[in-house]
Amino acid sequence: MIFNDMTSQYFDWLRETVCGRWEPRNLSFHKLLAFLFQQDFIPSCEMDASRAEDGRDLRYRFAQEKSIPYAALNSATSGMPCSMLEMMVGLSIRIEEHIMADSEAGNRVGQWFWNMVVSLGLAAMDDARFNEGRAQFIIDRFNQRAYQPNGAGGLFTLISPNVDMRQLDIWYQLMAYLNESNM
């Protein structure tokens, strides 16, 4: 993907959504997030298409929050499928706003996002240790659903699963994760 001014602003907005104005653990994950932004999310089942839609809907949200005419953003992202970053950020926002909203806990969008990064196996890839080949392997493994039956290597890892997580769409994987975590 070629970054232009509009896609760069959009990427920065996505990054800030999950990192805030600080980087987790005082480390920069810019390379990892840029990599995820350049990776297409490939829905592996019909229901996962909803996760892609959540990700693409962030484009509207960005345009609205930044008072940018959607047509300008749409021309910049025309033909661009949902990226892994968009899907993960969109899912994190859906978790926070529609399932786990808790005014006392504050905004935990970043927490949900970084939990997925950990489950995928990408948490050690700060800018100093980013390895594109390894990151590509991890995303390919995710897209092929070649991760562990407990979800390790996918978006949600369970300690004691009663079902093979690879057989569930992402939404039901999330529900199993939240149920096991008693959240």
C-alpha atoms as a PDB file:
ATOM      1  CA  MET A   1       0.000   0.000   0.000  1.00  0.00           C
ATOM      2  CA  ILE A   2       1.200   3.457  -0.835  1.00  0.00           C
ATOM      3  CA  PHE A   3       0.722   5.901   2.010  1.00  0.00           C
ATOM      4  CA  ASN A   4      -0.586   9.275   0.935  1.00  0.00           C
ATOM      5  CA  ASP A   5      -1.422  12.169   3.247  1.00  0.00           C
ATOM      6  CA  MET A   6      -4.962  10.923   3.903  1.00  0.00           C
ATOM      7  CA  THR A   7      -3.999   7.294   4.576  1.00  0.00           C
ATOM      8  CA  SER A   8      -1.147   8.494   6.798  1.00  0.00           C
ATOM      9  CA  GLN A   9      -3.588  10.564   8.862  1.00  0.00           C
ATOM     10  CA  TYR A  10      -5.936   7.596   9.053  1.00  0.00           C
ATOM     11  CA  PHE A  11      -3.115   5.251  10.126  1.00  0.00           C
ATOM     12  CA  ASP A  12      -2.032   7.744  12.824  1.00  0.00           C
ATOM     13  CA  TRP A  13      -5.635   7.885  14.073  1.00  0.00           C
ATOM     14  CA  LEU A  14      -5.807   4.065  14.254  1.00  0.00           C
ATOM     15  CA  ARG A  15      -2.461   3.964  16.086  1.00  0.00           C
ATOM     16  CA  GLU A  16      -3.583   6.590  18.566  1.00  0.00           C
ATOM     17  CA  THR A  17      -6.837   4.684  19.122  1.00  0.00           C
ATOM     18  CA  VAL A  18      -4.913   1.689  20.481  1.00  0.00           C
ATOM     19  CA  CYS A  19      -1.816   3.390  21.881  1.00  0.00           C
ATOM     20  CA  GLY A  20      -3.102   6.752  23.036  1.00  0.00           C
ATOM     21  CA  ARG A  21      -0.451   9.415  22.942  1.00  0.00           C
ATOM     22  CA  TRP A  22       2.054   7.042  24.516  1.00  0.00           C
ATOM     23  CA  GLU A  23       3.535   3.773  23.385  1.00  0.00           C
ATOM     24  CA  PRO A  24       2.922   0.721  25.603  1.00  0.00           C
ATOM     25  CA  ARG A  25       5.801  -0.119  27.956  1.00  0.00           C
ATOM     26  CA  ASN A  26       7.649   2.934  26.627  1.00  0.00           C
ATOM     27  CA  LEU A  27       8.362   1.033  23.414  1.00  0.00           C
ATOM     28  CA  SER A  28       7.436   1.963  19.876  1.00  0.00           C
ATOM     29  CA  PHE A  29       5.337  -0.488  17.859  1.00  0.00           C
ATOM     30  CA  HIS A  30       5.047   1.730  14.782  1.00  0.00           C
ATOM     31  CA  LYS A  31       6.579  -0.886  12.458  1.00  0.00           C
ATOM     32  CA  LEU A  32       4.233  -3.625  13.677  1.00  0.00           C
ATOM     33  CA  LEU A  33       1.162  -1.424  13.365  1.00  0.00           C
ATOM     34  CA  ALA A  34       2.210  -0.252   9.889  1.00  0.00           C
ATOM     35  CA  PHE A  35       2.733  -3.894   8.916  1.00  0.00           C
ATOM     36  CA  LEU A  36      -0.754  -4.823  10.179  1.00  0.00           C
ATOM     37  CA  PHE A  37      -2.177  -1.849   8.257  1.00  0.00           C
ATOM     38  CA  GLN A  38      -0.659  -3.220   5.057  1.00  0.00           C
ATOM     39  CA  GLN A  39      -1.959  -6.781   5.597  1.00  0.00           C
ATOM     40  CA  ASP A  40      -5.386  -7.635   4.237  1.00  0.00           C
ATOM     41  CA  PHE A  41      -7.792  -9.243   6.659  1.00  0.00           C
ATOM     42  CA  ILE A  42      -9.092 -12.346   4.928  1.00  0.00           C
ATOM     43  CA  PRO A  43     -12.373 -13.549   6.451  1.00  0.00           C
ATOM     44  CA  SER A  44     -12.126 -17.327   6.667  1.00  0.00           C
ATOM     45  CA  CYS A  45     -15.852 -17.860   7.124  1.00  0.00           C
ATOM     46  CA  GLU A  46     -19.035 -16.030   6.250  1.00  0.00           C
ATOM     47  CA  MET A  47     -19.541 -14.640   9.751  1.00  0.00           C
ATOM     48  CA  ASP A  48     -16.047 -13.118   9.833  1.00  0.00           C
ATOM     49  CA  ALA A  49     -17.106 -10.787   7.026  1.00  0.00           C
ATOM     50  CA  SER A  50     -18.806  -8.780   9.804  1.00  0.00           C
ATOM     51  CA  ARG A  51     -15.399  -8.192  11.385  1.00  0.00           C
ATOM     52  CA  ALA A  52     -14.162  -6.826   8.045  1.00  0.00           C
ATOM     53  CA  GLU A  53     -17.199  -4.556   7.911  1.00  0.00           C
ATOM     54  CA  ASP A  54     -16.437  -3.283  11.432  1.00  0.00           C
ATOM     55  CA  GLY A  55     -12.918  -2.488  10.267  1.00  0.00           C
ATOM     56  CA  ARG A  56     -14.024  -0.652   7.124  1.00  0.00           C
ATOM     57  CA  ASP A  57     -16.604   1.285   9.175  1.00  0.00           C
ATOM     58  CA  LEU A  58     -13.712   2.904  11.030  1.00  0.00           C
ATOM     59  CA  ARG A  59     -13.098   4.947   7.890  1.00  0.00           C
ATOM     60  CA  TYR A  60     -16.465   6.660   8.378  1.00  0.00           C
ATOM     61  CA  ARG A  61     -15.743   7.190  12.061  1.00  0.00           C
ATOM     62  CA  PHE A  62     -12.348   8.725  11.289  1.00  0.00           C
ATOM     63  CA  ALA A  63     -13.817  11.058   8.670  1.00  0.00           C
ATOM     64  CA  GLN A  64     -16.551  12.148  11.056  1.00  0.00           C
ATOM     65  CA  GLU A  65     -14.213  12.714  14.044  1.00  0.00           C
ATOM     66  CA  LYS A  66     -11.715  14.653  11.941  1.00  0.00           C
ATOM     67  CA  SER A  67     -14.390  16.580   9.972  1.00  0.00           C
ATOM     68  CA  ILE A  68     -13.027  15.223   6.719  1.00  0.00           C
ATOM     69  CA  PRO A  69     -15.452  14.773   3.848  1.00  0.00           C
ATOM     70  CA  TYR A  70     -15.921  11.033   3.524  1.00  0.00           C
ATOM     71  CA  ALA A  71     -15.542  11.321  -0.259  1.00  0.00           C
ATOM     72  CA  ALA A  72     -11.933  12.489   0.245  1.00  0.00           C
ATOM     73  CA  LEU A  73     -11.128   9.521   2.476  1.00  0.00           C
ATOM     74  CA  ASN A  74     -13.028   7.158   0.212  1.00  0.00           C
ATOM     75  CA  SER A  75     -10.962   8.202  -2.808  1.00  0.00           C
ATOM     76  CA  ALA A  76      -7.766   7.656  -0.785  1.00  0.00           C
ATOM     77  CA  THR A  77      -8.875   4.176   0.352  1.00  0.00           C
ATOM     78  CA  SER A  78     -10.844   3.185  -2.743  1.00  0.00           C
ATOM     79  CA  GLY A  79     -10.530  -0.502  -3.417  1.00  0.00           C
ATOM     80  CA  MET A  80      -8.568  -1.021  -0.221  1.00  0.00           C
ATOM     81  CA  PRO A  81      -9.872  -4.107   1.590  1.00  0.00           C
ATOM     82  CA  CYS A  82     -10.094  -4.167   5.366  1.00  0.00           C
ATOM     83  CA  SER A  83      -6.627  -4.429   6.856  1.00  0.00           C
ATOM     84  CA  MET A  84      -5.676  -6.602   9.817  1.00  0.00           C
ATOM     85  CA  LEU A  85      -5.133  -3.424  11.819  1.00  0.00           C
ATOM     86  CA  GLU A  86      -8.583  -2.085  10.953  1.00  0.00           C
ATOM     87  CA  MET A  87     -10.245  -5.404  11.813  1.00  0.00           C
ATOM     88  CA  MET A  88      -8.461  -5.634  15.170  1.00  0.00           C
ATOM     89  CA  VAL A  89      -9.117  -1.995  16.088  1.00  0.00           C
ATOM     90  CA  GLY A  90     -12.741  -2.291  14.968  1.00  0.00           C
ATOM     91  CA  LEU A  91     -13.209  -5.425  17.062  1.00  0.00           C
ATOM     92  CA  SER A  92     -11.533  -3.761  20.058  1.00  0.00           C
ATOM     93  CA  ILE A  93     -13.905  -0.812  19.797  1.00  0.00           C
ATOM     94  CA  ARG A  94     -16.920  -3.132  19.452  1.00  0.00           C
ATOM     95  CA  ILE A  95     -15.811  -5.041  22.576  1.00  0.00           C
ATOM     96  CA  GLU A  96     -15.406  -1.842  24.569  1.00  0.00           C
ATOM     97  CA  GLU A  97     -18.473   0.043  23.388  1.00  0.00           C
ATOM     98  CA  HIS A  98     -21.012  -2.746  22.904  1.00  0.00           C
ATOM     99  CA  ILE A  99     -20.064  -5.543  25.299  1.00  0.00           C
ATOM    100  CA  MET A 100     -17.732  -4.432  28.067  1.00  0.00           C
ATOM    101  CA  ALA A 101     -18.567  -0.737  28.505  1.00  0.00           C
ATOM    102  CA  ASP A 102     -17.704   0.271  32.062  1.00  0.00           C
ATOM    103  CA  SER A 103     -17.395   3.962  32.879  1.00  0.00           C
ATOM    104  CA  GLU A 104     -15.407   3.163  36.033  1.00  0.00           C
ATOM    105  CA  ALA A 105     -12.836   1.146  34.067  1.00  0.00           C
ATOM    106  CA  GLY A 106     -12.365   3.878  31.477  1.00  0.00           C
ATOM    107  CA  ASN A 107     -11.554   3.355  27.823  1.00  0.00           C
ATOM    108  CA  ARG A 108      -9.988  -0.094  27.383  1.00  0.00           C
ATOM    109  CA  VAL A 109      -9.877  -0.247  23.577  1.00  0.00           C
ATOM    110  CA  GLY A 110      -6.084  -0.472  23.735  1.00  0.00           C
ATOM    111  CA  GLN A 111      -6.260  -3.269  26.300  1.00  0.00           C
ATOM    112  CA  TRP A 112      -8.479  -5.398  24.060  1.00  0.00           C
ATOM    113  CA  PHE A 113      -6.250  -4.699  21.055  1.00  0.00           C
ATOM    114  CA  TRP A 114      -2.990  -5.537  22.820  1.00  0.00           C
ATOM    115  CA  ASN A 115      -4.508  -8.736  24.259  1.00  0.00           C
ATOM    116  CA  MET A 116      -5.086  -9.842  20.661  1.00  0.00           C
ATOM    117  CA  VAL A 117      -1.511  -8.885  19.722  1.00  0.00           C
ATOM    118  CA  VAL A 118      -0.246 -11.052  22.598  1.00  0.00           C
ATOM    119  CA  SER A 119      -2.458 -13.995  21.593  1.00  0.00           C
ATOM    120  CA  LEU A 120      -1.261 -13.784  17.994  1.00  0.00           C
ATOM    121  CA  GLY A 121       2.352 -13.926  19.198  1.00  0.00           C
ATOM    122  CA  LEU A 122       3.353 -10.450  18.020  1.00  0.00           C
ATOM    123  CA  ALA A 123       3.885  -8.728  21.387  1.00  0.00           C
ATOM    124  CA  ALA A 124       7.681  -8.940  21.311  1.00  0.00           C
ATOM    125  CA  MET A 125       7.859  -7.078  17.984  1.00  0.00           C
ATOM    126  CA  ASP A 126       8.586  -3.547  19.069  1.00  0.00           C
ATOM    127  CA  ASP A 127      10.431  -1.409  16.512  1.00  0.00           C
ATOM    128  CA  ALA A 128      13.853  -2.595  17.697  1.00  0.00           C
ATOM    129  CA  ARG A 129      12.897  -6.283  17.325  1.00  0.00           C
ATOM    130  CA  PHE A 130      10.411  -6.193  14.448  1.00  0.00           C
ATOM    131  CA  ASN A 131      10.946  -9.059  12.024  1.00  0.00           C
ATOM    132  CA  GLU A 132       8.775  -8.774   8.928  1.00  0.00           C
ATOM    133  CA  GLY A 133       9.302 -12.402   7.894  1.00  0.00           C
ATOM    134  CA  ARG A 134       8.223 -13.675  11.301  1.00  0.00           C
ATOM    135  CA  ALA A 135       5.274 -11.254  11.406  1.00  0.00           C
ATOM    136  CA  GLN A 136       4.188 -12.443   7.954  1.00  0.00           C
ATOM    137  CA  PHE A 137       4.385 -16.070   9.119  1.00  0.00           C
ATOM    138  CA  ILE A 138       2.181 -15.229  12.115  1.00  0.00           C
ATOM    139  CA  ILE A 139      -0.437 -13.423  10.018  1.00  0.00           C
ATOM    140  CA  ASP A 140      -0.421 -16.213   7.414  1.00  0.00           C
ATOM    141  CA  ARG A 141      -0.900 -18.757  10.217  1.00  0.00           C
ATOM    142  CA  PHE A 142      -3.837 -16.720  11.502  1.00  0.00           C
ATOM    143  CA  ASN A 143      -5.414 -16.391   8.053  1.00  0.00           C
ATOM    144  CA  GLN A 144      -5.052 -20.137   7.448  1.00  0.00           C
ATOM    145  CA  ARG A 145      -6.431 -20.923  10.919  1.00  0.00           C
ATOM    146  CA  ALA A 146      -3.318 -22.983  11.539  1.00  0.00           C
ATOM    147  CA  TYR A 147      -3.025 -21.809  15.133  1.00  0.00           C
ATOM    148  CA  GLN A 148      -3.493 -23.972  18.230  1.00  0.00           C
ATOM    149  CA  PRO A 149      -6.885 -25.509  19.128  1.00  0.00           C
ATOM    150  CA  ASN A 150      -6.958 -23.343  22.291  1.00  0.00           C
ATOM    151  CA  GLY A 151      -6.640 -20.224  20.124  1.00  0.00           C
ATOM    152  CA  ALA A 152      -2.938 -19.522  20.784  1.00  0.00           C
ATOM    153  CA  GLY A 153      -1.680 -17.883  17.599  1.00  0.00           C
ATOM    154  CA  GLY A 154      -5.176 -16.555  16.907  1.00  0.00           C
ATOM    155  CA  LEU A 155      -6.860 -13.505  18.411  1.00  0.00           C
ATOM    156  CA  PHE A 156      -8.043 -15.145  21.642  1.00  0.00           C
ATOM    157  CA  THR A 157      -6.267 -17.806  23.689  1.00  0.00           C
ATOM    158  CA  LEU A 158      -8.214 -19.909  26.185  1.00  0.00           C
ATOM    159  CA  ILE A 159      -6.752 -21.793  29.126  1.00  0.00           C
ATOM    160  CA  SER A 160      -9.349 -24.577  29.162  1.00  0.00           C
ATOM    161  CA  PRO A 161     -11.290 -24.578  25.900  1.00  0.00           C
ATOM    162  CA  ASN A 162     -14.212 -26.936  25.462  1.00  0.00           C
ATOM    163  CA  VAL A 163     -14.171 -26.433  21.698  1.00  0.00           C
ATOM    164  CA  ASP A 164     -11.523 -26.146  18.980  1.00  0.00           C
ATOM    165  CA  MET A 165     -11.202 -22.385  18.556  1.00  0.00           C
ATOM    166  CA  ARG A 166     -10.248 -22.868  14.899  1.00  0.00           C
ATOM    167  CA  GLN A 167     -13.773 -24.092  14.233  1.00  0.00           C
ATOM    168  CA  LEU A 168     -15.411 -20.895  15.541  1.00  0.00           C
ATOM    169  CA  ASP A 169     -15.790 -17.567  13.822  1.00  0.00           C
ATOM    170  CA  ILE A 170     -13.985 -14.667  15.483  1.00  0.00           C
ATOM    171  CA  TRP A 171     -17.108 -13.409  17.284  1.00  0.00           C
ATOM    172  CA  TYR A 172     -17.715 -16.756  18.988  1.00  0.00           C
ATOM    173  CA  GLN A 173     -14.015 -17.026  19.824  1.00  0.00           C
ATOM    174  CA  LEU A 174     -14.384 -13.661  21.557  1.00  0.00           C
ATOM    175  CA  MET A 175     -17.463 -14.857  23.450  1.00  0.00           C
ATOM    176  CA  ALA A 176     -15.596 -17.987  24.631  1.00  0.00           C
ATOM    177  CA  TYR A 177     -12.667 -15.795  25.743  1.00  0.00           C
ATOM    178  CA  LEU A 178     -14.888 -13.383  27.673  1.00  0.00           C
ATOM    179  CA  ASN A 179     -16.816 -16.265  29.280  1.00  0.00           C
ATOM    180  CA  GLU A 180     -13.632 -17.998  30.390  1.00  0.00           C
ATOM    181  CA  SER A 181     -12.235 -14.729  31.728  1.00  0.00           C
ATOM    182  CA  ASN A 182     -15.472 -14.053  33.654  1.00  0.00           C
ATOM    183  CA  MET A 183     -15.530 -10.538  32.300  1.00  0.00           C
END
